[in-house]
């Protein structure tokens, strides 16, 4: 297994594409459909004597362009099978268009979150400046669901549906002993690891993946993501290979840290409502994140909405128009999230 890092100035930093080159050749994710990123990927593959035409299969963790954008172009050159979860398939095969291109969905979402018109205009202008061509050529896809198994690049992968960041985000568990050219890091007791994960953006080593704004199709996005994090904790894999930056050597602990981060952030959201009274997601995001620019004009209020929506579902706050107000002044925030075996071992922060 080889990690190829691609430039990414639009989203969350360098993308990771993984090359599996055993009995056949496969990629996990592809990068965004921009000429310089395509060149990065072509050069990265060429270092291992692989060209786009040699790719037999592409496994996508989710639909976002920085992970799926080049899938259609590579498929056109190679005839590769493209696998993606059924919930994200319509945004890869072209049956649906994303929020960045859907003006009606933009207006409905931005108004519901209370984003001022001037900031809506700034965000729309950002979309227009960067979104053209990012999603690339539509791909013919083979859909998968949780628990499906497929063998690509000589490696057997088990699909783990981990929604939250997107509706169909899927991780893939594999036995590192099956992977050609991959040297698993031995455990402290000298034993050989038996499970590692590709996690896409479900688990990142530096940032906490956005929920709420990253895919507005997700129902109860924070609740979905919290369950996904708890699942990663309990899976207890030996390592994770994320969609950005570097390998995570203790994915269970990292997942528990992010889960605790969301408990802390929920308390901060409640503190904003206590101090300011009824507030919109945009107003809450201003208190949480300050001034926002570019993609964060979407992600900031989206994140605030995800927390407010979670509290609304639990009966802690209620929505009145675009604003939310507290109805339970002393909630048990911990009880709003799954419990895991590592809860006492982490001390997250916002």
C-alpha atoms as a PDB file:
ATOM      1  CA  UNK A   1       0.000   0.000   0.000  1.00  0.00           C
ATOM      2  CA  UNK A   2       1.332   3.412  -0.967  1.00  0.00           C
ATOM      3  CA  UNK A   3       0.022   6.780   0.195  1.00  0.00           C
ATOM      4  CA  UNK A   4       0.062   9.508  -2.438  1.00  0.00           C
ATOM      5  CA  UNK A   5      -0.492  13.040  -1.129  1.00  0.00           C
ATOM      6  CA  UNK A   6      -2.153  15.578  -3.388  1.00  0.00           C
ATOM      7  CA  UNK A   7      -2.296  19.337  -3.167  1.00  0.00           C
ATOM      8  CA  UNK A   8      -5.526  20.853  -1.879  1.00  0.00           C
ATOM      9  CA  UNK A   9      -5.883  24.584  -1.284  1.00  0.00           C
ATOM     10  CA  UNK A  10      -9.692  24.597  -1.200  1.00  0.00           C
ATOM     11  CA  UNK A  11     -10.746  22.238   1.577  1.00  0.00           C
ATOM     12  CA  UNK A  12      -8.983  20.558   4.512  1.00  0.00           C
ATOM     13  CA  UNK A  13      -5.383  20.387   3.337  1.00  0.00           C
ATOM     14  CA  UNK A  14      -3.451  17.719   1.468  1.00  0.00           C
ATOM     15  CA  UNK A  15      -5.544  14.774   0.295  1.00  0.00           C
ATOM     16  CA  UNK A  16      -4.423  11.192   0.695  1.00  0.00           C
ATOM     17  CA  UNK A  17      -4.967   8.677  -2.095  1.00  0.00           C
ATOM     18  CA  UNK A  18      -4.016   5.070  -1.368  1.00  0.00           C
ATOM     19  CA  UNK A  19      -2.646   2.755  -4.021  1.00  0.00           C
ATOM     20  CA  UNK A  20      -3.258  -0.965  -3.569  1.00  0.00           C
ATOM     21  CA  UNK A  21      -1.154  -2.834  -6.095  1.00  0.00           C
ATOM     22  CA  UNK A  22      -1.345  -6.519  -5.367  1.00  0.00           C
ATOM     23  CA  UNK A  23      -2.844  -8.957  -7.862  1.00  0.00           C
ATOM     24  CA  UNK A  24      -4.786  -6.040  -9.359  1.00  0.00           C
ATOM     25  CA  UNK A  25      -4.477  -2.267  -9.027  1.00  0.00           C
ATOM     26  CA  UNK A  26      -6.880  -0.144  -6.985  1.00  0.00           C
ATOM     27  CA  UNK A  27      -7.170   3.338  -5.553  1.00  0.00           C
ATOM     28  CA  UNK A  28      -8.901   4.429  -2.378  1.00  0.00           C
ATOM     29  CA  UNK A  29     -10.163   7.955  -3.254  1.00  0.00           C
ATOM     30  CA  UNK A  30      -8.837  10.022  -6.158  1.00  0.00           C
ATOM     31  CA  UNK A  31      -8.510  13.730  -5.392  1.00  0.00           C
ATOM     32  CA  UNK A  32     -10.271  16.707  -6.905  1.00  0.00           C
ATOM     33  CA  UNK A  33     -10.687  17.208 -10.663  1.00  0.00           C
ATOM     34  CA  UNK A  34      -8.271  20.103 -11.091  1.00  0.00           C
ATOM     35  CA  UNK A  35      -5.384  20.010 -13.572  1.00  0.00           C
ATOM     36  CA  UNK A  36      -2.654  20.464 -10.973  1.00  0.00           C
ATOM     37  CA  UNK A  37      -4.135  17.773  -8.724  1.00  0.00           C
ATOM     38  CA  UNK A  38      -4.484  15.399 -11.666  1.00  0.00           C
ATOM     39  CA  UNK A  39      -0.806  16.022 -12.407  1.00  0.00           C
ATOM     40  CA  UNK A  40       0.048  15.302  -8.755  1.00  0.00           C
ATOM     41  CA  UNK A  41      -1.786  11.990  -8.902  1.00  0.00           C
ATOM     42  CA  UNK A  42      -0.311  10.997 -12.256  1.00  0.00           C
ATOM     43  CA  UNK A  43       3.185  11.723 -10.947  1.00  0.00           C
ATOM     44  CA  UNK A  44       2.523   9.894  -7.691  1.00  0.00           C
ATOM     45  CA  UNK A  45       1.308   6.810  -9.540  1.00  0.00           C
ATOM     46  CA  UNK A  46       4.126   6.971 -12.065  1.00  0.00           C
ATOM     47  CA  UNK A  47       6.609   6.645  -9.203  1.00  0.00           C
ATOM     48  CA  UNK A  48       5.228   3.100  -8.822  1.00  0.00           C
ATOM     49  CA  UNK A  49       5.005   2.467 -12.598  1.00  0.00           C
ATOM     50  CA  UNK A  50       1.220   2.871 -12.585  1.00  0.00           C
ATOM     51  CA  UNK A  51      -0.842   4.989 -14.995  1.00  0.00           C
ATOM     52  CA  UNK A  52      -4.541   5.853 -14.924  1.00  0.00           C
ATOM     53  CA  UNK A  53      -5.119   3.193 -17.598  1.00  0.00           C
ATOM     54  CA  UNK A  54      -3.766   0.521 -15.239  1.00  0.00           C
ATOM     55  CA  UNK A  55      -6.342   1.092 -12.489  1.00  0.00           C
ATOM     56  CA  UNK A  56      -8.774  -1.809 -12.106  1.00  0.00           C
ATOM     57  CA  UNK A  57     -10.903  -0.452  -9.248  1.00  0.00           C
ATOM     58  CA  UNK A  58     -11.598   2.786  -7.361  1.00  0.00           C
ATOM     59  CA  UNK A  59     -13.072   2.710  -3.874  1.00  0.00           C
ATOM     60  CA  UNK A  60     -14.528   6.028  -2.717  1.00  0.00           C
ATOM     61  CA  UNK A  61     -14.971   6.881   0.935  1.00  0.00           C
ATOM     62  CA  UNK A  62     -17.523   9.610   0.074  1.00  0.00           C
ATOM     63  CA  UNK A  63     -18.792  11.922  -2.631  1.00  0.00           C
ATOM     64  CA  UNK A  64     -16.903  15.143  -1.878  1.00  0.00           C
ATOM     65  CA  UNK A  65     -14.969  16.360  -4.926  1.00  0.00           C
ATOM     66  CA  UNK A  66     -11.601  16.297  -3.163  1.00  0.00           C
ATOM     67  CA  UNK A  67     -12.106  12.540  -2.735  1.00  0.00           C
ATOM     68  CA  UNK A  68     -14.152  11.543  -5.791  1.00  0.00           C
ATOM     69  CA  UNK A  69     -13.512  14.238  -8.394  1.00  0.00           C
ATOM     70  CA  UNK A  70     -11.118  12.303 -10.616  1.00  0.00           C
ATOM     71  CA  UNK A  71     -12.964   8.976 -10.444  1.00  0.00           C
ATOM     72  CA  UNK A  72     -14.834   9.493 -13.717  1.00  0.00           C
ATOM     73  CA  UNK A  73     -11.710  10.562 -15.605  1.00  0.00           C
ATOM     74  CA  UNK A  74      -9.713   7.571 -14.393  1.00  0.00           C
ATOM     75  CA  UNK A  75     -12.612   5.241 -15.200  1.00  0.00           C
ATOM     76  CA  UNK A  76     -12.814   6.679 -18.715  1.00  0.00           C
ATOM     77  CA  UNK A  77      -9.147   5.812 -19.307  1.00  0.00           C
ATOM     78  CA  UNK A  78      -9.086   2.441 -17.589  1.00  0.00           C
ATOM     79  CA  UNK A  79     -12.607   1.015 -17.397  1.00  0.00           C
ATOM     80  CA  UNK A  80     -12.132   0.711 -13.627  1.00  0.00           C
ATOM     81  CA  UNK A  81     -15.026  -0.313 -11.389  1.00  0.00           C
ATOM     82  CA  UNK A  82     -15.980   2.559  -9.044  1.00  0.00           C
ATOM     83  CA  UNK A  83     -17.447   1.642  -5.663  1.00  0.00           C
ATOM     84  CA  UNK A  84     -19.301   4.072  -3.387  1.00  0.00           C
ATOM     85  CA  UNK A  85     -22.027   3.854  -0.739  1.00  0.00           C
ATOM     86  CA  UNK A  86     -25.548   3.989  -2.134  1.00  0.00           C
ATOM     87  CA  UNK A  87     -26.351   7.206  -0.236  1.00  0.00           C
ATOM     88  CA  UNK A  88     -23.504   9.101  -1.939  1.00  0.00           C
ATOM     89  CA  UNK A  89     -23.779   7.435  -5.346  1.00  0.00           C
ATOM     90  CA  UNK A  90     -26.129  10.046  -6.900  1.00  0.00           C
ATOM     91  CA  UNK A  91     -23.533  12.767  -6.352  1.00  0.00           C
ATOM     92  CA  UNK A  92     -20.813  10.691  -8.031  1.00  0.00           C
ATOM     93  CA  UNK A  93     -22.790   9.406 -11.003  1.00  0.00           C
ATOM     94  CA  UNK A  94     -24.349  12.800 -11.763  1.00  0.00           C
ATOM     95  CA  UNK A  95     -27.943  12.015 -10.818  1.00  0.00           C
ATOM     96  CA  UNK A  96     -27.889  14.828  -8.226  1.00  0.00           C
ATOM     97  CA  UNK A  97     -26.038  18.133  -7.999  1.00  0.00           C
ATOM     98  CA  UNK A  98     -24.390  19.313  -4.778  1.00  0.00           C
ATOM     99  CA  UNK A  99     -25.351  22.332  -2.705  1.00  0.00           C
ATOM    100  CA  UNK A 100     -22.527  24.302  -4.317  1.00  0.00           C
ATOM    101  CA  UNK A 101     -24.397  24.181  -7.642  1.00  0.00           C
ATOM    102  CA  UNK A 102     -28.042  24.168  -6.476  1.00  0.00           C
ATOM    103  CA  UNK A 103     -29.211  27.759  -6.024  1.00  0.00           C
ATOM    104  CA  UNK A 104     -32.668  26.804  -4.718  1.00  0.00           C
ATOM    105  CA  UNK A 105     -31.179  24.535  -2.043  1.00  0.00           C
ATOM    106  CA  UNK A 106     -28.662  27.239  -1.170  1.00  0.00           C
ATOM    107  CA  UNK A 107     -31.375  29.846  -0.553  1.00  0.00           C
ATOM    108  CA  UNK A 108     -33.524  27.472   1.506  1.00  0.00           C
ATOM    109  CA  UNK A 109     -30.592  26.309   3.628  1.00  0.00           C
ATOM    110  CA  UNK A 110     -28.954  29.697   4.127  1.00  0.00           C
ATOM    111  CA  UNK A 111     -32.238  31.369   5.059  1.00  0.00           C
ATOM    112  CA  UNK A 112     -33.019  28.573   7.522  1.00  0.00           C
ATOM    113  CA  UNK A 113     -29.652  29.060   9.188  1.00  0.00           C
ATOM    114  CA  UNK A 114     -30.111  32.835   9.383  1.00  0.00           C
ATOM    115  CA  UNK A 115     -27.129  33.716   7.182  1.00  0.00           C
ATOM    116  CA  UNK A 116     -27.326  37.427   6.258  1.00  0.00           C
ATOM    117  CA  UNK A 117     -27.761  38.186   2.585  1.00  0.00           C
ATOM    118  CA  UNK A 118     -24.333  39.813   2.252  1.00  0.00           C
ATOM    119  CA  UNK A 119     -22.667  36.686   3.593  1.00  0.00           C
ATOM    120  CA  UNK A 120     -24.825  34.472   1.385  1.00  0.00           C
ATOM    121  CA  UNK A 121     -23.575  36.498  -1.568  1.00  0.00           C
ATOM    122  CA  UNK A 122     -19.958  36.069  -0.442  1.00  0.00           C
ATOM    123  CA  UNK A 123     -20.439  32.315  -0.156  1.00  0.00           C
ATOM    124  CA  UNK A 124     -22.166  32.049  -3.520  1.00  0.00           C
ATOM    125  CA  UNK A 125     -19.308  33.999  -5.107  1.00  0.00           C
ATOM    126  CA  UNK A 126     -16.832  31.579  -3.505  1.00  0.00           C
ATOM    127  CA  UNK A 127     -18.740  28.601  -4.880  1.00  0.00           C
ATOM    128  CA  UNK A 128     -18.711  30.134  -8.350  1.00  0.00           C
ATOM    129  CA  UNK A 129     -14.974  30.792  -8.166  1.00  0.00           C
ATOM    130  CA  UNK A 130     -13.927  27.285  -7.143  1.00  0.00           C
ATOM    131  CA  UNK A 131     -16.676  24.770  -7.860  1.00  0.00           C
ATOM    132  CA  UNK A 132     -16.589  24.660 -11.665  1.00  0.00           C
ATOM    133  CA  UNK A 133     -15.180  21.307 -12.632  1.00  0.00           C
ATOM    134  CA  UNK A 134     -14.290  20.205  -9.103  1.00  0.00           C
ATOM    135  CA  UNK A 135     -16.619  17.203  -9.261  1.00  0.00           C
ATOM    136  CA  UNK A 136     -15.189  16.145 -12.600  1.00  0.00           C
ATOM    137  CA  UNK A 137     -16.722  13.691 -15.004  1.00  0.00           C
ATOM    138  CA  UNK A 138     -19.587  11.541 -13.638  1.00  0.00           C
ATOM    139  CA  UNK A 139     -18.642   7.915 -13.039  1.00  0.00           C
ATOM    140  CA  UNK A 140     -20.627   4.747 -13.516  1.00  0.00           C
ATOM    141  CA  UNK A 141     -20.730   3.366  -9.995  1.00  0.00           C
ATOM    142  CA  UNK A 142     -21.294   0.104  -8.189  1.00  0.00           C
ATOM    143  CA  UNK A 143     -23.092   0.822  -4.933  1.00  0.00           C
ATOM    144  CA  UNK A 144     -22.329  -0.764  -1.606  1.00  0.00           C
ATOM    145  CA  UNK A 145     -23.817  -0.739   1.886  1.00  0.00           C
ATOM    146  CA  UNK A 146     -22.603  -1.409   5.398  1.00  0.00           C
ATOM    147  CA  UNK A 147     -21.103  -4.856   5.800  1.00  0.00           C
ATOM    148  CA  UNK A 148     -20.414  -5.458   2.123  1.00  0.00           C
ATOM    149  CA  UNK A 149     -17.067  -7.027   1.299  1.00  0.00           C
ATOM    150  CA  UNK A 150     -15.052  -6.517  -1.861  1.00  0.00           C
ATOM    151  CA  UNK A 151     -11.568  -7.513  -2.918  1.00  0.00           C
ATOM    152  CA  UNK A 152      -9.555  -4.882  -4.789  1.00  0.00           C
ATOM    153  CA  UNK A 153      -5.820  -4.559  -5.285  1.00  0.00           C
ATOM    154  CA  UNK A 154      -5.481  -7.991  -3.738  1.00  0.00           C
ATOM    155  CA  UNK A 155      -6.985  -6.769  -0.448  1.00  0.00           C
ATOM    156  CA  UNK A 156     -10.308  -7.765   1.103  1.00  0.00           C
ATOM    157  CA  UNK A 157     -12.171  -4.686   2.348  1.00  0.00           C
ATOM    158  CA  UNK A 158     -15.175  -4.610   4.692  1.00  0.00           C
ATOM    159  CA  UNK A 159     -17.443  -1.571   4.285  1.00  0.00           C
ATOM    160  CA  UNK A 160     -18.207   0.322   7.500  1.00  0.00           C
ATOM    161  CA  UNK A 161     -20.917   2.954   7.016  1.00  0.00           C
ATOM    162  CA  UNK A 162     -19.837   5.992   9.074  1.00  0.00           C
ATOM    163  CA  UNK A 163     -22.322   8.774   8.223  1.00  0.00           C
ATOM    164  CA  UNK A 164     -22.227  12.314   9.581  1.00  0.00           C
ATOM    165  CA  UNK A 165     -19.752  14.240   7.447  1.00  0.00           C
ATOM    166  CA  UNK A 166     -21.724  12.927   4.459  1.00  0.00           C
ATOM    167  CA  UNK A 167     -24.744  10.667   4.257  1.00  0.00           C
ATOM    168  CA  UNK A 168     -22.831   7.803   2.678  1.00  0.00           C
ATOM    169  CA  UNK A 169     -19.348   8.187   4.123  1.00  0.00           C
ATOM    170  CA  UNK A 170     -17.873   4.722   4.407  1.00  0.00           C
ATOM    171  CA  UNK A 171     -14.705   3.431   5.992  1.00  0.00           C
ATOM    172  CA  UNK A 172     -13.071   0.193   4.997  1.00  0.00           C
ATOM    173  CA  UNK A 173     -11.549  -2.338   7.371  1.00  0.00           C
ATOM    174  CA  UNK A 174      -8.766  -4.609   6.156  1.00  0.00           C
ATOM    175  CA  UNK A 175      -6.154  -7.018   7.425  1.00  0.00           C
ATOM    176  CA  UNK A 176      -2.781  -5.302   6.915  1.00  0.00           C
ATOM    177  CA  UNK A 177      -1.094  -8.681   6.580  1.00  0.00           C
ATOM    178  CA  UNK A 178      -2.850  -9.036   3.209  1.00  0.00           C
ATOM    179  CA  UNK A 179      -1.506  -5.777   1.787  1.00  0.00           C
ATOM    180  CA  UNK A 180       1.426  -5.965  -0.594  1.00  0.00           C
ATOM    181  CA  UNK A 181       4.280  -3.646   0.398  1.00  0.00           C
ATOM    182  CA  UNK A 182       2.656  -2.548   3.669  1.00  0.00           C
ATOM    183  CA  UNK A 183       4.559  -2.909   6.925  1.00  0.00           C
ATOM    184  CA  UNK A 184       2.152  -2.840   9.881  1.00  0.00           C
ATOM    185  CA  UNK A 185       3.541  -1.224  13.015  1.00  0.00           C
ATOM    186  CA  UNK A 186       3.999  -3.911  15.650  1.00  0.00           C
ATOM    187  CA  UNK A 187       2.021  -3.620  18.871  1.00  0.00           C
ATOM    188  CA  UNK A 188       3.835  -2.828  22.116  1.00  0.00           C
ATOM    189  CA  UNK A 189       3.662  -6.501  23.047  1.00  0.00           C
ATOM    190  CA  UNK A 190       5.304  -7.456  19.758  1.00  0.00           C
ATOM    191  CA  UNK A 191       2.131  -8.832  18.187  1.00  0.00           C
ATOM    192  CA  UNK A 192       1.216  -8.125  14.566  1.00  0.00           C
ATOM    193  CA  UNK A 193      -1.790  -5.852  13.912  1.00  0.00           C
ATOM    194  CA  UNK A 194      -4.743  -7.630  12.338  1.00  0.00           C
ATOM    195  CA  UNK A 195      -7.060  -4.715  11.433  1.00  0.00           C
ATOM    196  CA  UNK A 196      -6.565  -1.256  10.036  1.00  0.00           C
ATOM    197  CA  UNK A 197      -9.086   1.203   8.582  1.00  0.00           C
ATOM    198  CA  UNK A 198      -9.410   3.577   5.688  1.00  0.00           C
ATOM    199  CA  UNK A 199     -11.529   6.334   7.243  1.00  0.00           C
ATOM    200  CA  UNK A 200     -11.844   9.073   4.626  1.00  0.00           C
ATOM    201  CA  UNK A 201     -13.032  12.165   6.507  1.00  0.00           C
ATOM    202  CA  UNK A 202     -14.802  10.266   9.276  1.00  0.00           C
ATOM    203  CA  UNK A 203     -11.597  10.480  11.310  1.00  0.00           C
ATOM    204  CA  UNK A 204      -8.859  13.045  10.741  1.00  0.00           C
ATOM    205  CA  UNK A 205      -5.625  13.469  12.703  1.00  0.00           C
ATOM    206  CA  UNK A 206      -5.688  17.277  13.041  1.00  0.00           C
ATOM    207  CA  UNK A 207      -9.105  18.791  12.425  1.00  0.00           C
ATOM    208  CA  UNK A 208     -12.533  17.613  13.495  1.00  0.00           C
ATOM    209  CA  UNK A 209     -14.560  16.812  10.352  1.00  0.00           C
ATOM    210  CA  UNK A 210     -17.382  19.242   9.690  1.00  0.00           C
ATOM    211  CA  UNK A 211     -20.913  18.055  10.335  1.00  0.00           C
ATOM    212  CA  UNK A 212     -24.009  19.935   9.240  1.00  0.00           C
ATOM    213  CA  UNK A 213     -22.474  22.003   6.461  1.00  0.00           C
ATOM    214  CA  UNK A 214     -20.455  19.322   4.707  1.00  0.00           C
ATOM    215  CA  UNK A 215     -23.588  17.507   3.482  1.00  0.00           C
ATOM    216  CA  UNK A 216     -26.970  19.103   4.130  1.00  0.00           C
ATOM    217  CA  UNK A 217     -28.732  15.881   3.097  1.00  0.00           C
ATOM    218  CA  UNK A 218     -27.836  14.188   6.400  1.00  0.00           C
ATOM    219  CA  UNK A 219     -30.720  13.866   8.870  1.00  0.00           C
ATOM    220  CA  UNK A 220     -29.694  14.534  12.497  1.00  0.00           C
ATOM    221  CA  UNK A 221     -26.057  14.929  11.399  1.00  0.00           C
ATOM    222  CA  UNK A 222     -24.475  15.222  14.848  1.00  0.00           C
ATOM    223  CA  UNK A 223     -26.318  12.187  16.193  1.00  0.00           C
ATOM    224  CA  UNK A 224     -25.251  10.203  13.111  1.00  0.00           C
ATOM    225  CA  UNK A 225     -21.646  11.263  13.463  1.00  0.00           C
ATOM    226  CA  UNK A 226     -21.555  10.545  17.201  1.00  0.00           C
ATOM    227  CA  UNK A 227     -22.718   6.995  16.510  1.00  0.00           C
ATOM    228  CA  UNK A 228     -20.029   6.643  13.843  1.00  0.00           C
ATOM    229  CA  UNK A 229     -17.341   7.789  16.259  1.00  0.00           C
ATOM    230  CA  UNK A 230     -18.557   5.350  18.900  1.00  0.00           C
ATOM    231  CA  UNK A 231     -18.417   2.585  16.312  1.00  0.00           C
ATOM    232  CA  UNK A 232     -14.792   3.422  15.519  1.00  0.00           C
ATOM    233  CA  UNK A 233     -13.939   3.370  19.233  1.00  0.00           C
ATOM    234  CA  UNK A 234     -15.458  -0.051  19.722  1.00  0.00           C
ATOM    235  CA  UNK A 235     -13.929  -1.423  16.521  1.00  0.00           C
ATOM    236  CA  UNK A 236     -10.513  -0.989  18.208  1.00  0.00           C
ATOM    237  CA  UNK A 237      -8.485  -1.040  14.996  1.00  0.00           C
ATOM    238  CA  UNK A 238      -4.723  -0.887  15.127  1.00  0.00           C
ATOM    239  CA  UNK A 239      -4.343   2.111  12.787  1.00  0.00           C
ATOM    240  CA  UNK A 240      -6.377   4.378  10.526  1.00  0.00           C
ATOM    241  CA  UNK A 241      -5.484   5.857   7.163  1.00  0.00           C
ATOM    242  CA  UNK A 242      -7.476   9.092   6.771  1.00  0.00           C
ATOM    243  CA  UNK A 243      -8.410  11.196   3.787  1.00  0.00           C
ATOM    244  CA  UNK A 244      -6.073  14.034   4.782  1.00  0.00           C
ATOM    245  CA  UNK A 245      -2.612  14.239   6.288  1.00  0.00           C
ATOM    246  CA  UNK A 246      -1.019  11.414   8.252  1.00  0.00           C
ATOM    247  CA  UNK A 247      -1.773   7.965   9.637  1.00  0.00           C
ATOM    248  CA  UNK A 248      -3.569   7.737  12.977  1.00  0.00           C
ATOM    249  CA  UNK A 249      -1.902   5.143  15.204  1.00  0.00           C
ATOM    250  CA  UNK A 250      -4.647   4.986  17.837  1.00  0.00           C
ATOM    251  CA  UNK A 251      -7.931   5.526  15.985  1.00  0.00           C
ATOM    252  CA  UNK A 252     -10.110   4.519  18.931  1.00  0.00           C
ATOM    253  CA  UNK A 253      -8.587   7.192  21.126  1.00  0.00           C
ATOM    254  CA  UNK A 254      -8.793   9.800  18.356  1.00  0.00           C
ATOM    255  CA  UNK A 255     -12.481   8.976  17.822  1.00  0.00           C
ATOM    256  CA  UNK A 256     -13.127   9.265  21.561  1.00  0.00           C
ATOM    257  CA  UNK A 257     -11.358  12.638  21.613  1.00  0.00           C
ATOM    258  CA  UNK A 258     -13.547  13.968  18.800  1.00  0.00           C
ATOM    259  CA  UNK A 259     -16.667  12.653  20.513  1.00  0.00           C
ATOM    260  CA  UNK A 260     -15.648  14.462  23.698  1.00  0.00           C
ATOM    261  CA  UNK A 261     -14.917  17.586  21.646  1.00  0.00           C
ATOM    262  CA  UNK A 262     -18.563  17.566  20.533  1.00  0.00           C
ATOM    263  CA  UNK A 263     -19.755  17.285  24.123  1.00  0.00           C
ATOM    264  CA  UNK A 264     -17.698  20.381  24.939  1.00  0.00           C
ATOM    265  CA  UNK A 265     -18.977  22.215  21.876  1.00  0.00           C
ATOM    266  CA  UNK A 266     -22.570  21.402  22.817  1.00  0.00           C
ATOM    267  CA  UNK A 267     -21.973  23.021  26.201  1.00  0.00           C
ATOM    268  CA  UNK A 268     -20.558  26.084  24.441  1.00  0.00           C
ATOM    269  CA  UNK A 269     -23.638  26.320  22.210  1.00  0.00           C
ATOM    270  CA  UNK A 270     -25.863  26.246  25.286  1.00  0.00           C
ATOM    271  CA  UNK A 271     -23.698  28.915  26.914  1.00  0.00           C
ATOM    272  CA  UNK A 272     -24.231  31.159  23.872  1.00  0.00           C
ATOM    273  CA  UNK A 273     -28.004  30.732  24.097  1.00  0.00           C
ATOM    274  CA  UNK A 274     -27.934  31.365  27.851  1.00  0.00           C
ATOM    275  CA  UNK A 275     -25.950  34.584  27.355  1.00  0.00           C
ATOM    276  CA  UNK A 276     -27.580  35.928  24.194  1.00  0.00           C
ATOM    277  CA  UNK A 277     -31.083  34.505  24.251  1.00  0.00           C
ATOM    278  CA  UNK A 278     -32.750  33.000  21.164  1.00  0.00           C
ATOM    279  CA  UNK A 279     -30.191  32.802  18.358  1.00  0.00           C
ATOM    280  CA  UNK A 280     -29.898  31.540  14.805  1.00  0.00           C
ATOM    281  CA  UNK A 281     -27.218  29.060  13.720  1.00  0.00           C
ATOM    282  CA  UNK A 282     -25.383  31.965  12.075  1.00  0.00           C
ATOM    283  CA  UNK A 283     -25.402  33.972  15.314  1.00  0.00           C
ATOM    284  CA  UNK A 284     -24.223  30.968  17.319  1.00  0.00           C
ATOM    285  CA  UNK A 285     -21.449  30.270  14.810  1.00  0.00           C
ATOM    286  CA  UNK A 286     -20.228  33.865  15.150  1.00  0.00           C
ATOM    287  CA  UNK A 287     -19.761  33.288  18.886  1.00  0.00           C
ATOM    288  CA  UNK A 288     -18.065  29.915  18.327  1.00  0.00           C
ATOM    289  CA  UNK A 289     -15.811  30.752  15.386  1.00  0.00           C
ATOM    290  CA  UNK A 290     -15.682  34.537  14.903  1.00  0.00           C
ATOM    291  CA  UNK A 291     -15.516  35.999  11.404  1.00  0.00           C
ATOM    292  CA  UNK A 292     -15.887  33.432   8.631  1.00  0.00           C
ATOM    293  CA  UNK A 293     -14.642  33.412   5.047  1.00  0.00           C
ATOM    294  CA  UNK A 294     -14.843  31.173   1.980  1.00  0.00           C
ATOM    295  CA  UNK A 295     -16.042  27.593   2.657  1.00  0.00           C
ATOM    296  CA  UNK A 296     -16.279  28.336   6.386  1.00  0.00           C
ATOM    297  CA  UNK A 297     -19.269  30.617   5.730  1.00  0.00           C
ATOM    298  CA  UNK A 298     -21.002  27.290   5.020  1.00  0.00           C
ATOM    299  CA  UNK A 299     -19.263  25.066   7.549  1.00  0.00           C
ATOM    300  CA  UNK A 300     -19.537  27.410  10.553  1.00  0.00           C
ATOM    301  CA  UNK A 301     -23.330  27.821  10.690  1.00  0.00           C
ATOM    302  CA  UNK A 302     -23.684  24.230   9.468  1.00  0.00           C
ATOM    303  CA  UNK A 303     -21.762  23.019  12.515  1.00  0.00           C
ATOM    304  CA  UNK A 304     -23.806  25.281  14.797  1.00  0.00           C
ATOM    305  CA  UNK A 305     -26.995  23.990  13.186  1.00  0.00           C
ATOM    306  CA  UNK A 306     -25.918  20.367  13.764  1.00  0.00           C
ATOM    307  CA  UNK A 307     -25.545  21.047  17.493  1.00  0.00           C
ATOM    308  CA  UNK A 308     -28.746  23.057  17.758  1.00  0.00           C
ATOM    309  CA  UNK A 309     -30.631  20.371  15.837  1.00  0.00           C
ATOM    310  CA  UNK A 310     -29.245  17.723  18.206  1.00  0.00           C
ATOM    311  CA  UNK A 311     -30.383  19.738  21.215  1.00  0.00           C
ATOM    312  CA  UNK A 312     -33.772  20.343  19.586  1.00  0.00           C
ATOM    313  CA  UNK A 313     -34.290  16.610  19.022  1.00  0.00           C
ATOM    314  CA  UNK A 314     -33.466  16.017  22.698  1.00  0.00           C
ATOM    315  CA  UNK A 315     -35.970  18.640  23.896  1.00  0.00           C
ATOM    316  CA  UNK A 316     -33.251  20.869  25.369  1.00  0.00           C
ATOM    317  CA  UNK A 317     -33.951  23.742  22.970  1.00  0.00           C
ATOM    318  CA  UNK A 318     -36.779  24.512  20.614  1.00  0.00           C
ATOM    319  CA  UNK A 319     -36.835  26.249  17.289  1.00  0.00           C
ATOM    320  CA  UNK A 320     -38.906  29.361  16.668  1.00  0.00           C
ATOM    321  CA  UNK A 321     -38.560  30.407  13.056  1.00  0.00           C
ATOM    322  CA  UNK A 322     -34.812  30.531  12.402  1.00  0.00           C
ATOM    323  CA  UNK A 323     -33.842  31.000  16.068  1.00  0.00           C
ATOM    324  CA  UNK A 324     -33.435  28.475  18.875  1.00  0.00           C
ATOM    325  CA  UNK A 325     -34.150  29.057  22.553  1.00  0.00           C
ATOM    326  CA  UNK A 326     -33.400  27.017  25.665  1.00  0.00           C
ATOM    327  CA  UNK A 327     -36.312  25.150  27.249  1.00  0.00           C
ATOM    328  CA  UNK A 328     -34.307  22.857  29.563  1.00  0.00           C
ATOM    329  CA  UNK A 329     -31.850  25.027  31.507  1.00  0.00           C
ATOM    330  CA  UNK A 330     -29.981  22.141  33.143  1.00  0.00           C
ATOM    331  CA  UNK A 331     -29.608  19.265  30.682  1.00  0.00           C
ATOM    332  CA  UNK A 332     -27.342  16.253  31.091  1.00  0.00           C
ATOM    333  CA  UNK A 333     -25.186  16.892  28.039  1.00  0.00           C
ATOM    334  CA  UNK A 334     -23.216  13.660  28.437  1.00  0.00           C
ATOM    335  CA  UNK A 335     -26.453  11.706  28.134  1.00  0.00           C
ATOM    336  CA  UNK A 336     -27.008  13.213  24.667  1.00  0.00           C
ATOM    337  CA  UNK A 337     -24.037  11.274  23.273  1.00  0.00           C
ATOM    338  CA  UNK A 338     -23.061   7.612  23.110  1.00  0.00           C
ATOM    339  CA  UNK A 339     -20.871   6.295  25.887  1.00  0.00           C
ATOM    340  CA  UNK A 340     -17.681   4.408  25.061  1.00  0.00           C
ATOM    341  CA  UNK A 341     -15.052   2.480  26.970  1.00  0.00           C
ATOM    342  CA  UNK A 342     -12.606   5.388  26.519  1.00  0.00           C
ATOM    343  CA  UNK A 343     -14.766   8.214  27.862  1.00  0.00           C
ATOM    344  CA  UNK A 344     -12.772   8.462  31.096  1.00  0.00           C
ATOM    345  CA  UNK A 345      -9.449   8.370  29.247  1.00  0.00           C
ATOM    346  CA  UNK A 346      -9.861  11.501  27.146  1.00  0.00           C
ATOM    347  CA  UNK A 347     -10.281  15.149  27.988  1.00  0.00           C
ATOM    348  CA  UNK A 348     -11.400  16.915  24.850  1.00  0.00           C
ATOM    349  CA  UNK A 349     -11.658  20.623  24.218  1.00  0.00           C
ATOM    350  CA  UNK A 350     -13.344  22.828  21.635  1.00  0.00           C
END
